[in-house]
Amino acid sequence: MRLDPPLDLTSPEARQWLQDELQRGVYRERPGLLSRVWDWLQDLLGRGVSTGGLPAWTLGIAVLIAVAVLALVVARSVAAERRMAPSGGSRGVLDGPVRTAEEHRAAARKALASGEEERAVLESYRAVARAAVERTILDDQPGRTAHEVAIALTPVFPAATSALTAAADDFDAVRYGERDARPGAASAILALDADLARTRPVLPDPVSGRAR
């Protein structure tokens, strides 16, 4: 397609250009914003746009600029989502090879001794989650996120509510946010894991449904 002036586009032709561009799959993924933009341009072209004495091809250039801006916005949004997504598309705390809670603890201690604070954070929180599965407090549900683990364990270990929430935040910061762990986070999560291991869980009574 040649874009050199004169580009003598009529309103119907410009509308068709824009419609063809916006029908691409990348735009259909975000119908909220782009459908509103499309409706606005439809109305604009339908009513006819006064060019103020400028050549008719300026209408086509305006449409092309609008499409380029929309494509740039979508491209940046997709790139941002890809940067935030964890590698391999996995978001679950325990996704991957199955290991015992003790194996996760050992890996966390080894990483901590080697100065690998971020890895120690991940492994120590996985130890918390796996230990809950081994104690049948949690079912082995694939894809459960760090905060879903914390939310599920909070009623069972009410005294550890704040520690569980902080540990989930630390896990997410390292695993998904690509940020450094806060100083002492891994040691705090290992201490939480040890504390939960010593604590009797508050479980609902099978008859009354109340905590016991």
C-alpha atoms as a PDB file:
ATOM      1  CA  MET A   1       0.000   0.000   0.000  1.00  0.00           C
ATOM      2  CA  ARG A   2       1.413   3.424  -1.016  1.00  0.00           C
ATOM      3  CA  LEU A   3       0.962   6.143   1.570  1.00  0.00           C
ATOM      4  CA  ASP A   4       2.490   9.019  -0.420  1.00  0.00           C
ATOM      5  CA  PRO A   5       0.121  11.943  -0.983  1.00  0.00           C
ATOM      6  CA  PRO A   6      -2.198  12.549  -2.634  1.00  0.00           C
ATOM      7  CA  LEU A   7      -4.149   9.781  -0.841  1.00  0.00           C
ATOM      8  CA  ASP A   8      -7.707  10.393  -1.964  1.00  0.00           C
ATOM      9  CA  LEU A   9      -9.667   8.415   0.616  1.00  0.00           C
ATOM     10  CA  THR A  10     -13.396   8.666   1.004  1.00  0.00           C
ATOM     11  CA  SER A  11     -15.022   8.202   4.448  1.00  0.00           C
ATOM     12  CA  PRO A  12     -16.279   4.678   3.576  1.00  0.00           C
ATOM     13  CA  GLU A  13     -12.781   3.670   2.428  1.00  0.00           C
ATOM     14  CA  ALA A  14     -11.159   5.052   5.558  1.00  0.00           C
ATOM     15  CA  ARG A  15     -13.755   3.272   7.706  1.00  0.00           C
ATOM     16  CA  GLN A  16     -13.030  -0.018   5.928  1.00  0.00           C
ATOM     17  CA  TRP A  17      -9.272   0.410   6.476  1.00  0.00           C
ATOM     18  CA  LEU A  18      -9.777   0.952  10.160  1.00  0.00           C
ATOM     19  CA  GLN A  19     -12.242  -1.913  10.471  1.00  0.00           C
ATOM     20  CA  ASP A  20      -9.839  -4.315   8.749  1.00  0.00           C
ATOM     21  CA  GLU A  21      -7.019  -3.290  11.108  1.00  0.00           C
ATOM     22  CA  LEU A  22      -9.059  -3.535  14.308  1.00  0.00           C
ATOM     23  CA  GLN A  23     -10.384  -6.974  13.383  1.00  0.00           C
ATOM     24  CA  ARG A  24      -6.920  -8.429  13.963  1.00  0.00           C
ATOM     25  CA  GLY A  25      -6.775 -10.863  16.897  1.00  0.00           C
ATOM     26  CA  VAL A  26      -4.470  -8.733  19.026  1.00  0.00           C
ATOM     27  CA  TYR A  27      -7.138  -6.050  19.255  1.00  0.00           C
ATOM     28  CA  ARG A  28      -9.973  -8.455  19.985  1.00  0.00           C
ATOM     29  CA  GLU A  29      -8.158  -9.499  23.145  1.00  0.00           C
ATOM     30  CA  ARG A  30      -8.993  -6.084  24.614  1.00  0.00           C
ATOM     31  CA  PRO A  31     -12.509  -5.220  23.436  1.00  0.00           C
ATOM     32  CA  GLY A  32     -13.263  -2.733  26.202  1.00  0.00           C
ATOM     33  CA  LEU A  33     -11.003   0.164  25.243  1.00  0.00           C
ATOM     34  CA  LEU A  34     -10.659  -0.516  21.542  1.00  0.00           C
ATOM     35  CA  SER A  35     -14.348  -1.056  20.939  1.00  0.00           C
ATOM     36  CA  ARG A  36     -14.984   2.399  22.387  1.00  0.00           C
ATOM     37  CA  VAL A  37     -12.317   3.886  20.124  1.00  0.00           C
ATOM     38  CA  TRP A  38     -13.822   2.062  17.164  1.00  0.00           C
ATOM     39  CA  ASP A  39     -17.312   3.373  17.967  1.00  0.00           C
ATOM     40  CA  TRP A  40     -15.946   6.903  18.216  1.00  0.00           C
ATOM     41  CA  LEU A  41     -14.184   6.698  14.868  1.00  0.00           C
ATOM     42  CA  GLN A  42     -17.240   5.061  13.274  1.00  0.00           C
ATOM     43  CA  ASP A  43     -19.334   7.979  14.421  1.00  0.00           C
ATOM     44  CA  LEU A  44     -16.705  10.457  13.295  1.00  0.00           C
ATOM     45  CA  LEU A  45     -16.435   8.979   9.823  1.00  0.00           C
ATOM     46  CA  GLY A  46     -20.171   8.417   9.546  1.00  0.00           C
ATOM     47  CA  ARG A  47     -20.981  12.049  10.205  1.00  0.00           C
ATOM     48  CA  GLY A  48     -18.255  13.151   7.863  1.00  0.00           C
ATOM     49  CA  VAL A  49     -15.215  15.132   8.943  1.00  0.00           C
ATOM     50  CA  SER A  50     -14.591  18.630   7.729  1.00  0.00           C
ATOM     51  CA  THR A  51     -11.023  18.921   6.545  1.00  0.00           C
ATOM     52  CA  GLY A  52     -11.022  22.683   6.836  1.00  0.00           C
ATOM     53  CA  GLY A  53      -9.858  23.158   3.283  1.00  0.00           C
ATOM     54  CA  LEU A  54      -7.095  20.569   3.576  1.00  0.00           C
ATOM     55  CA  PRO A  55      -6.676  17.873   0.888  1.00  0.00           C
ATOM     56  CA  ALA A  56      -8.959  14.842   1.207  1.00  0.00           C
ATOM     57  CA  TRP A  57      -6.011  12.521   1.756  1.00  0.00           C
ATOM     58  CA  THR A  58      -5.452  14.057   5.216  1.00  0.00           C
ATOM     59  CA  LEU A  59      -8.410  11.990   6.437  1.00  0.00           C
ATOM     60  CA  GLY A  60      -6.590   8.800   5.482  1.00  0.00           C
ATOM     61  CA  ILE A  61      -3.412   9.961   7.201  1.00  0.00           C
ATOM     62  CA  ALA A  62      -5.401  10.687  10.368  1.00  0.00           C
ATOM     63  CA  VAL A  63      -6.838   7.159  10.318  1.00  0.00           C
ATOM     64  CA  LEU A  64      -3.395   5.640   9.829  1.00  0.00           C
ATOM     65  CA  ILE A  65      -2.008   7.649  12.754  1.00  0.00           C
ATOM     66  CA  ALA A  66      -4.893   6.486  14.968  1.00  0.00           C
ATOM     67  CA  VAL A  67      -4.251   2.848  14.035  1.00  0.00           C
ATOM     68  CA  ALA A  68      -0.516   3.237  14.704  1.00  0.00           C
ATOM     69  CA  VAL A  69      -1.159   4.725  18.149  1.00  0.00           C
ATOM     70  CA  LEU A  70      -3.566   1.896  19.027  1.00  0.00           C
ATOM     71  CA  ALA A  71      -1.068  -0.723  17.872  1.00  0.00           C
ATOM     72  CA  LEU A  72       1.663   0.861  20.003  1.00  0.00           C
ATOM     73  CA  VAL A  73      -0.552   0.872  23.100  1.00  0.00           C
ATOM     74  CA  VAL A  74      -1.485  -2.790  22.600  1.00  0.00           C
ATOM     75  CA  ALA A  75       2.123  -3.819  21.935  1.00  0.00           C
ATOM     76  CA  ARG A  76       3.337  -2.143  25.108  1.00  0.00           C
ATOM     77  CA  SER A  77       0.539  -3.717  27.143  1.00  0.00           C
ATOM     78  CA  VAL A  78       1.325  -7.206  25.832  1.00  0.00           C
ATOM     79  CA  ALA A  79       5.043  -6.716  26.486  1.00  0.00           C
ATOM     80  CA  ALA A  80       4.352  -5.604  30.060  1.00  0.00           C
ATOM     81  CA  GLU A  81       2.173  -8.663  30.699  1.00  0.00           C
ATOM     82  CA  ARG A  82       4.855 -10.973  29.343  1.00  0.00           C
ATOM     83  CA  ARG A  83       7.494  -9.401  31.582  1.00  0.00           C
ATOM     84  CA  MET A  84       5.277  -9.923  34.631  1.00  0.00           C
ATOM     85  CA  ALA A  85       4.329 -13.505  33.771  1.00  0.00           C
ATOM     86  CA  PRO A  86       6.497 -16.189  35.416  1.00  0.00           C
ATOM     87  CA  SER A  87       8.652 -18.353  33.192  1.00  0.00           C
ATOM     88  CA  GLY A  88       6.900 -21.372  31.775  1.00  0.00           C
ATOM     89  CA  GLY A  89       3.481 -19.890  32.524  1.00  0.00           C
ATOM     90  CA  SER A  90       3.411 -21.531  35.961  1.00  0.00           C
ATOM     91  CA  ARG A  91       1.986 -19.519  38.864  1.00  0.00           C
ATOM     92  CA  GLY A  92       1.506 -22.249  41.451  1.00  0.00           C
ATOM     93  CA  VAL A  93       3.695 -22.398  44.553  1.00  0.00           C
ATOM     94  CA  LEU A  94       4.134 -26.163  44.266  1.00  0.00           C
ATOM     95  CA  ASP A  95       4.039 -26.489  40.478  1.00  0.00           C
ATOM     96  CA  GLY A  96       6.954 -28.480  39.139  1.00  0.00           C
ATOM     97  CA  PRO A  97       8.710 -31.622  40.399  1.00  0.00           C
ATOM     98  CA  VAL A  98       7.149 -32.953  43.605  1.00  0.00           C
ATOM     99  CA  ARG A  99       9.431 -32.704  46.644  1.00  0.00           C
ATOM    100  CA  THR A 100       8.804 -33.186  50.338  1.00  0.00           C
ATOM    101  CA  ALA A 101       8.622 -30.337  52.815  1.00  0.00           C
ATOM    102  CA  GLU A 102      11.939 -31.430  54.275  1.00  0.00           C
ATOM    103  CA  GLU A 103      13.566 -31.335  50.849  1.00  0.00           C
ATOM    104  CA  HIS A 104      12.316 -27.779  50.370  1.00  0.00           C
ATOM    105  CA  ARG A 105      13.629 -26.838  53.832  1.00  0.00           C
ATOM    106  CA  ALA A 106      17.036 -28.322  53.036  1.00  0.00           C
ATOM    107  CA  ALA A 107      17.149 -26.437  49.737  1.00  0.00           C
ATOM    108  CA  ALA A 108      16.195 -23.206  51.526  1.00  0.00           C
ATOM    109  CA  ARG A 109      18.905 -23.614  54.158  1.00  0.00           C
ATOM    110  CA  LYS A 110      21.517 -24.433  51.527  1.00  0.00           C
ATOM    111  CA  ALA A 111      20.535 -21.389  49.456  1.00  0.00           C
ATOM    112  CA  LEU A 112      20.584 -19.178  52.530  1.00  0.00           C
ATOM    113  CA  ALA A 113      24.052 -20.414  53.491  1.00  0.00           C
ATOM    114  CA  SER A 114      25.240 -19.622  49.959  1.00  0.00           C
ATOM    115  CA  GLY A 115      23.831 -16.109  50.081  1.00  0.00           C
ATOM    116  CA  GLU A 116      21.026 -16.894  47.630  1.00  0.00           C
ATOM    117  CA  GLU A 117      18.320 -15.030  49.530  1.00  0.00           C
ATOM    118  CA  GLU A 118      15.765 -15.085  46.710  1.00  0.00           C
ATOM    119  CA  ARG A 119      15.964 -18.829  46.169  1.00  0.00           C
ATOM    120  CA  ALA A 120      15.827 -19.364  49.927  1.00  0.00           C
ATOM    121  CA  VAL A 121      12.593 -17.339  50.067  1.00  0.00           C
ATOM    122  CA  LEU A 122      10.980 -19.483  47.379  1.00  0.00           C
ATOM    123  CA  GLU A 123      12.065 -22.802  48.868  1.00  0.00           C
ATOM    124  CA  SER A 124      11.137 -21.881  52.439  1.00  0.00           C
ATOM    125  CA  TYR A 125       7.623 -20.852  51.422  1.00  0.00           C
ATOM    126  CA  ARG A 126       7.247 -24.019  49.370  1.00  0.00           C
ATOM    127  CA  ALA A 127       8.165 -25.917  52.537  1.00  0.00           C
ATOM    128  CA  VAL A 128       5.266 -24.184  54.309  1.00  0.00           C
ATOM    129  CA  ALA A 129       2.852 -25.140  51.544  1.00  0.00           C
ATOM    130  CA  ARG A 130       4.098 -28.724  51.162  1.00  0.00           C
ATOM    131  CA  ALA A 131       4.033 -29.298  54.913  1.00  0.00           C
ATOM    132  CA  ALA A 132       0.378 -28.243  54.967  1.00  0.00           C
ATOM    133  CA  VAL A 133      -0.344 -30.754  52.206  1.00  0.00           C
ATOM    134  CA  GLU A 134       1.523 -33.508  54.057  1.00  0.00           C
ATOM    135  CA  ARG A 135      -0.496 -32.790  57.198  1.00  0.00           C
ATOM    136  CA  THR A 136      -3.701 -32.961  55.075  1.00  0.00           C
ATOM    137  CA  ILE A 137      -4.519 -29.379  56.030  1.00  0.00           C
ATOM    138  CA  LEU A 138      -4.445 -28.453  52.342  1.00  0.00           C
ATOM    139  CA  ASP A 139      -5.261 -30.646  49.389  1.00  0.00           C
ATOM    140  CA  ASP A 140      -2.607 -30.989  46.712  1.00  0.00           C
ATOM    141  CA  GLN A 141      -4.256 -28.563  44.305  1.00  0.00           C
ATOM    142  CA  PRO A 142      -2.164 -27.619  41.255  1.00  0.00           C
ATOM    143  CA  GLY A 143      -1.734 -23.933  40.534  1.00  0.00           C
ATOM    144  CA  ARG A 144      -2.443 -22.670  44.064  1.00  0.00           C
ATOM    145  CA  THR A 145      -0.773 -19.271  44.431  1.00  0.00           C
ATOM    146  CA  ALA A 146       1.167 -17.972  47.409  1.00  0.00           C
ATOM    147  CA  HIS A 147      -1.689 -15.830  48.665  1.00  0.00           C
ATOM    148  CA  GLU A 148      -4.186 -18.641  48.166  1.00  0.00           C
ATOM    149  CA  VAL A 149      -1.998 -20.769  50.434  1.00  0.00           C
ATOM    150  CA  ALA A 150      -1.893 -17.983  53.028  1.00  0.00           C
ATOM    151  CA  ILE A 151      -5.662 -17.427  52.863  1.00  0.00           C
ATOM    152  CA  ALA A 152      -6.332 -21.162  53.273  1.00  0.00           C
ATOM    153  CA  LEU A 153      -3.969 -21.477  56.247  1.00  0.00           C
ATOM    154  CA  THR A 154      -5.067 -18.336  58.094  1.00  0.00           C
ATOM    155  CA  PRO A 155      -8.188 -19.892  59.704  1.00  0.00           C
ATOM    156  CA  VAL A 156      -6.159 -22.972  60.614  1.00  0.00           C
ATOM    157  CA  PHE A 157      -3.302 -20.988  62.175  1.00  0.00           C
ATOM    158  CA  PRO A 158      -4.967 -17.710  63.223  1.00  0.00           C
ATOM    159  CA  ALA A 159      -2.023 -16.586  65.346  1.00  0.00           C
ATOM    160  CA  ALA A 160       0.203 -16.697  62.247  1.00  0.00           C
ATOM    161  CA  THR A 161      -2.036 -14.551  60.038  1.00  0.00           C
ATOM    162  CA  SER A 162       0.393 -11.632  59.706  1.00  0.00           C
ATOM    163  CA  ALA A 163       3.400 -13.896  59.188  1.00  0.00           C
ATOM    164  CA  LEU A 164       1.616 -15.897  56.496  1.00  0.00           C
ATOM    165  CA  THR A 165       0.581 -12.762  54.625  1.00  0.00           C
ATOM    166  CA  ALA A 166       4.106 -11.331  54.802  1.00  0.00           C
ATOM    167  CA  ALA A 167       5.580 -14.629  53.597  1.00  0.00           C
ATOM    168  CA  ALA A 168       3.195 -14.732  50.635  1.00  0.00           C
ATOM    169  CA  ASP A 169       4.156 -11.147  49.763  1.00  0.00           C
ATOM    170  CA  ASP A 170       7.836 -12.093  49.889  1.00  0.00           C
ATOM    171  CA  PHE A 171       7.258 -15.111  47.645  1.00  0.00           C
ATOM    172  CA  ASP A 172       5.348 -13.049  45.073  1.00  0.00           C
ATOM    173  CA  ALA A 173       7.911 -10.243  45.145  1.00  0.00           C
ATOM    174  CA  VAL A 174      10.689 -12.669  44.245  1.00  0.00           C
ATOM    175  CA  ARG A 175       8.836 -15.098  41.970  1.00  0.00           C
ATOM    176  CA  TYR A 176       6.644 -12.734  39.964  1.00  0.00           C
ATOM    177  CA  GLY A 177       7.721  -9.187  40.690  1.00  0.00           C
ATOM    178  CA  GLU A 178      11.388  -9.688  39.837  1.00  0.00           C
ATOM    179  CA  ARG A 179      12.339  -7.785  42.984  1.00  0.00           C
ATOM    180  CA  ASP A 180      14.920  -8.538  45.629  1.00  0.00           C
ATOM    181  CA  ALA A 181      13.732 -10.204  48.789  1.00  0.00           C
ATOM    182  CA  ARG A 182      13.575  -8.019  51.894  1.00  0.00           C
ATOM    183  CA  PRO A 183      16.471  -8.592  54.282  1.00  0.00           C
ATOM    184  CA  GLY A 184      15.847 -11.569  56.531  1.00  0.00           C
ATOM    185  CA  ALA A 185      12.776 -12.751  54.597  1.00  0.00           C
ATOM    186  CA  ALA A 186      14.017 -16.312  54.096  1.00  0.00           C
ATOM    187  CA  SER A 187      14.965 -16.722  57.750  1.00  0.00           C
ATOM    188  CA  ALA A 188      11.557 -15.358  58.781  1.00  0.00           C
ATOM    189  CA  ILE A 189       9.741 -17.848  56.553  1.00  0.00           C
ATOM    190  CA  LEU A 190      11.850 -20.746  57.829  1.00  0.00           C
ATOM    191  CA  ALA A 191      10.980 -19.665  61.374  1.00  0.00           C
ATOM    192  CA  LEU A 192       7.307 -19.525  60.374  1.00  0.00           C
ATOM    193  CA  ASP A 193       7.562 -23.030  58.932  1.00  0.00           C
ATOM    194  CA  ALA A 194       9.081 -24.322  62.182  1.00  0.00           C
ATOM    195  CA  ASP A 195       6.433 -22.522  64.233  1.00  0.00           C
ATOM    196  CA  LEU A 196       3.571 -23.997  62.188  1.00  0.00           C
ATOM    197  CA  ALA A 197       5.098 -27.474  62.547  1.00  0.00           C
ATOM    198  CA  ARG A 198       4.867 -27.106  66.326  1.00  0.00           C
ATOM    199  CA  THR A 199       1.371 -25.621  66.303  1.00  0.00           C
ATOM    200  CA  ARG A 200      -1.797 -27.658  66.521  1.00  0.00           C
ATOM    201  CA  PRO A 201      -4.074 -26.602  63.639  1.00  0.00           C
ATOM    202  CA  VAL A 202      -7.523 -25.206  64.373  1.00  0.00           C
ATOM    203  CA  LEU A 203      -9.788 -27.509  62.383  1.00  0.00           C
ATOM    204  CA  PRO A 204     -13.588 -27.367  62.043  1.00  0.00           C
ATOM    205  CA  ASP A 205     -15.595 -29.925  63.989  1.00  0.00           C
ATOM    206  CA  PRO A 206     -17.024 -32.439  61.495  1.00  0.00           C
ATOM    207  CA  VAL A 207     -20.402 -32.330  63.257  1.00  0.00           C
ATOM    208  CA  SER A 208     -20.953 -28.706  64.220  1.00  0.00           C
ATOM    209  CA  GLY A 209     -18.662 -27.140  61.656  1.00  0.00           C
ATOM    210  CA  ARG A 210     -17.157 -24.950  64.383  1.00  0.00           C
ATOM    211  CA  ALA A 211     -13.427 -24.649  64.986  1.00  0.00           C
ATOM    212  CA  ARG A 212     -11.977 -27.064  67.511  1.00  0.00           C
END
